Protein backbone atom coordinates (compact mmCIF):
# COMPACT_ATOMS: atom_id res chain seq x y z
CA UNK A 1 -18.53 1.39 1.37
CA UNK A 2 -19.73 2.20 -1.52
CA UNK A 3 -16.76 2.28 -4.69
CA UNK A 4 -17.23 5.04 -6.66
CA UNK A 5 -15.49 4.83 -9.98
CA UNK A 6 -14.40 8.20 -12.24
CA UNK A 7 -14.57 8.39 -16.23
CA UNK A 8 -11.23 9.29 -16.98
CA UNK A 9 -11.82 8.90 -20.87
CA UNK A 10 -12.60 6.37 -23.36
CA UNK A 11 -14.46 4.23 -21.14
CA UNK A 12 -11.94 3.82 -18.17
CA UNK A 13 -12.63 4.82 -15.64
CA UNK A 14 -10.90 4.45 -12.04
CA UNK A 15 -11.88 4.55 -8.35
CA UNK A 16 -12.30 8.28 -6.73
CA UNK A 17 -11.14 6.80 -3.05
CA UNK A 18 -7.80 6.38 -4.50
CA UNK A 19 -7.17 9.37 -6.32
CA UNK A 20 -4.25 11.47 -4.40
CA UNK A 21 -4.06 14.25 -7.10
CA UNK A 22 -4.25 15.59 -10.39
CA UNK A 23 -1.83 17.22 -11.86
CA UNK A 24 -1.09 19.19 -16.21
CA UNK A 25 2.28 16.38 -17.18
CA UNK A 26 3.86 20.29 -18.94
CA UNK A 27 6.54 20.15 -16.26
CA UNK A 28 9.75 18.24 -15.47
CA UNK A 29 9.38 17.09 -12.63
CA UNK A 30 6.06 15.62 -13.80
CA UNK A 31 8.00 14.44 -16.56
CA UNK A 32 10.68 12.66 -14.00
CA UNK A 33 7.20 11.00 -12.26
CA UNK A 34 5.53 9.54 -15.82
CA UNK A 35 9.73 8.14 -16.21
CA UNK A 36 9.80 7.18 -13.74
CA UNK A 37 6.71 4.90 -13.44
CA UNK A 38 7.14 3.62 -16.92
CA UNK A 39 10.46 2.34 -15.45
CA UNK A 40 8.59 1.13 -12.74
CA UNK A 41 5.94 -0.51 -14.94
CA UNK A 42 3.37 1.42 -12.48
CA UNK A 43 2.22 3.86 -15.45
CA UNK A 44 -1.05 2.58 -16.85
CA UNK A 45 -1.60 4.68 -20.21
CA UNK A 46 -5.88 5.37 -20.90
CA UNK A 47 -5.10 8.38 -23.81
CA UNK A 48 -5.95 5.87 -26.77
CA UNK A 49 -2.57 7.27 -28.77
CA UNK A 50 -4.24 10.98 -27.76
CA UNK A 51 -2.16 13.78 -26.14
CA UNK A 52 -1.41 13.47 -22.11
CA UNK A 53 -3.52 16.20 -21.16
CA UNK A 54 -3.21 14.63 -17.04
CA UNK A 55 -1.76 12.82 -15.07
CA UNK A 56 -3.60 10.51 -12.15
CA UNK A 57 -1.48 9.92 -9.38
CA UNK A 58 -2.66 6.44 -7.30
CA UNK A 59 -2.81 6.28 -3.47
CA UNK A 60 -0.80 2.59 -4.58
CA UNK A 61 1.51 4.80 -6.27
CA UNK A 62 0.48 3.80 -9.68
CA UNK A 63 0.74 6.69 -12.49
CA UNK A 64 -2.57 6.98 -15.00
CA UNK A 65 -2.61 9.25 -17.94
CA UNK A 66 -5.66 10.40 -19.48
CA UNK A 67 -5.78 12.39 -22.20
CA UNK A 68 -8.81 14.71 -20.77
CA UNK A 69 -7.90 17.78 -19.29
CA UNK A 70 -7.16 18.01 -15.23
CA UNK A 71 -9.53 20.91 -14.18
CA UNK A 72 -12.71 18.34 -15.89
CA UNK A 73 -11.25 14.89 -13.87
CA UNK A 74 -10.47 17.19 -11.10
CA UNK A 75 -14.72 18.86 -11.11
CA UNK A 76 -15.51 15.42 -11.69
CA UNK A 77 -14.13 14.11 -8.69
CA UNK A 78 -15.94 16.89 -7.11
CA UNK A 79 -19.10 16.61 -8.09
CA UNK A 80 -18.83 13.25 -6.65
CA UNK A 81 -17.53 14.46 -3.52
CA UNK A 82 -21.52 16.26 -3.29
CA UNK A 83 -22.91 12.90 -3.94
CA UNK A 84 -23.49 14.36 -7.54
CA UNK A 85 -23.54 12.16 -10.09
CA UNK A 86 -21.80 13.29 -13.15
CA UNK A 87 -22.60 13.54 -16.80
CA UNK A 88 -22.18 10.93 -18.50
CA UNK A 89 -19.67 11.21 -20.76
CA UNK A 90 -18.41 7.90 -21.20
CA UNK A 91 -18.89 8.06 -25.54
CA UNK A 92 -16.27 10.90 -25.75
CA UNK A 93 -13.06 11.42 -25.14
């Protein structure tokens, strides 16, 4: 099975099939999730110092932080699920 990668900003990618959820970081439960992942060394910050706009939850309990909006990442996942190639935004955030 071919593994498909999705760009989560700043030339960082994750395997699409391993994503469990993409959520916004604004609620208290998501802030707790992020803090617990950091404490347990399961947090991967891919924001390059920018504001966190989405939290990506993986099937192995790792948490990725991204500077890209959750809606944008979800749209990219949908394009990949439909076997369409998302636009190349590798030069952008």
